[in-house]
Amino acid sequence: MPPLISAFTDWRCPACGKTDRTAESRPHTRFHPCPRMHGLSTPMVRAGTAAKLVLNERQDYVGKELVRLDDRGRPAMSISTIRDDGQDAVVFAPTASAAGDL
């Protein structure tokens, strides 16, 4: 039997204005590929929350690391969500790889 009351959460992207609604009762965050953040997977905030997003590019040498590139081909380090009551970050860590002789 489905629950009689469902919990909806309305979301908004501070960068591009996209909105969405989820029906998950557990804690969660909605992400979307944002055109203003150059196609990177970007967090949305609860509707009504004042926030801004900052895309932080990698400042160090990439070398042979497999890093996340945005749609311009530039290496992304993180996206910071800045609100009045705090700050969060989505970090794009380099991807691990391995090679071996079999």
Protein backbone atom coordinates (compact mmCIF):
# COMPACT_ATOMS: atom_id res chain seq x y z
CA MET A 1 0.00 0.00 0.00
CA PRO A 2 1.49 3.38 -0.97
CA PRO A 3 1.83 6.06 1.72
CA LEU A 4 -1.09 8.45 2.04
CA ILE A 5 1.14 11.50 2.41
CA SER A 6 4.13 12.00 0.16
CA ALA A 7 6.92 14.45 0.84
CA PHE A 8 7.78 16.70 -2.09
CA THR A 9 10.87 18.86 -2.25
CA ASP A 10 11.08 21.71 -4.76
CA TRP A 11 14.55 22.50 -6.12
CA ARG A 12 16.08 25.42 -8.05
CA CYS A 13 19.46 25.91 -9.70
CA PRO A 14 20.94 29.25 -8.61
CA ALA A 15 22.97 29.48 -11.83
CA CYS A 16 20.46 28.77 -14.61
CA GLY A 17 17.09 28.86 -12.81
CA LYS A 18 16.04 25.28 -13.69
CA THR A 19 13.45 23.89 -11.28
CA ASP A 20 12.54 20.34 -10.33
CA ARG A 21 10.54 18.42 -7.75
CA THR A 22 11.44 15.18 -6.02
CA ALA A 23 9.30 12.85 -3.92
CA GLU A 24 12.05 11.34 -1.76
CA SER A 25 11.50 11.47 2.01
CA ARG A 26 15.11 10.66 2.93
CA PRO A 27 17.78 13.42 2.90
CA HIS A 28 19.01 14.03 -0.63
CA THR A 29 20.24 16.69 -3.05
CA ARG A 30 19.17 17.10 -6.67
CA PHE A 31 21.82 17.53 -9.38
CA HIS A 32 21.53 18.41 -13.07
CA PRO A 33 23.91 19.11 -15.99
CA CYS A 34 23.89 22.92 -15.87
CA PRO A 35 24.56 24.94 -19.03
CA ARG A 36 25.77 27.92 -16.94
CA MET A 37 28.30 25.63 -15.18
CA HIS A 38 29.47 24.39 -18.60
CA GLY A 39 27.64 21.05 -18.52
CA LEU A 40 29.00 19.82 -15.18
CA SER A 41 26.80 17.92 -12.74
CA THR A 42 25.62 20.82 -10.56
CA PRO A 43 23.77 20.77 -7.24
CA MET A 44 20.40 22.45 -6.93
CA VAL A 45 19.20 24.13 -3.71
CA ARG A 46 15.80 23.98 -2.05
CA ALA A 47 13.45 26.47 -3.68
CA GLY A 48 13.44 29.74 -1.75
CA THR A 49 17.07 29.42 -0.60
CA ALA A 50 19.29 32.35 -1.56
CA ALA A 51 22.53 30.94 -2.95
CA LYS A 52 25.12 31.32 -5.66
CA LEU A 53 27.33 28.79 -7.44
CA VAL A 54 31.03 29.24 -8.18
CA LEU A 55 32.89 26.98 -10.62
CA ASN A 56 36.49 26.49 -9.46
CA GLU A 57 38.96 25.44 -12.15
CA ARG A 58 42.05 23.39 -11.35
CA GLN A 59 45.04 25.64 -10.78
CA ASP A 60 47.69 22.90 -10.78
CA TYR A 61 49.31 20.91 -13.56
CA VAL A 62 47.07 18.11 -14.83
CA GLY A 63 49.71 15.93 -16.49
CA LYS A 64 48.41 12.41 -17.20
CA GLU A 65 45.62 12.50 -14.59
CA LEU A 66 42.12 11.72 -15.76
CA VAL A 67 40.27 14.83 -14.62
CA ARG A 68 36.72 16.11 -15.15
CA LEU A 69 36.58 18.53 -18.06
CA ASP A 70 33.76 20.99 -18.67
CA ASP A 71 32.16 21.48 -22.09
CA ARG A 72 34.97 23.93 -22.99
CA GLY A 73 37.63 21.28 -22.29
CA ARG A 74 38.87 23.05 -19.15
CA PRO A 75 39.68 21.01 -16.00
CA ALA A 76 37.17 21.52 -13.18
CA MET A 77 38.15 21.17 -9.53
CA SER A 78 34.84 21.86 -7.77
CA ILE A 79 31.57 23.75 -7.66
CA SER A 80 30.96 25.74 -4.47
CA THR A 81 27.43 26.47 -3.29
CA ILE A 82 27.51 29.63 -1.19
CA ARG A 83 24.54 30.43 1.06
CA ASP A 84 24.02 32.92 3.90
CA ASP A 85 24.33 30.12 6.47
CA GLY A 86 27.29 28.24 5.02
CA GLN A 87 29.05 26.75 2.04
CA ASP A 88 29.16 23.31 0.40
CA ALA A 89 31.31 21.95 -2.41
CA VAL A 90 31.04 19.24 -5.03
CA VAL A 91 34.60 18.06 -5.71
CA PHE A 92 35.60 16.50 -9.03
CA ALA A 93 38.49 14.26 -7.97
CA PRO A 94 40.74 12.72 -10.61
CA THR A 95 39.72 9.24 -11.75
CA ALA A 96 41.96 6.38 -10.72
CA SER A 97 43.32 4.02 -13.34
CA ALA A 98 45.41 0.88 -13.27
CA ALA A 99 47.36 -1.17 -15.75
CA GLY A 100 48.91 -4.54 -15.36
CA ASP A 101 50.25 -7.52 -17.19
CA LEU A 102 47.96 -10.53 -17.23
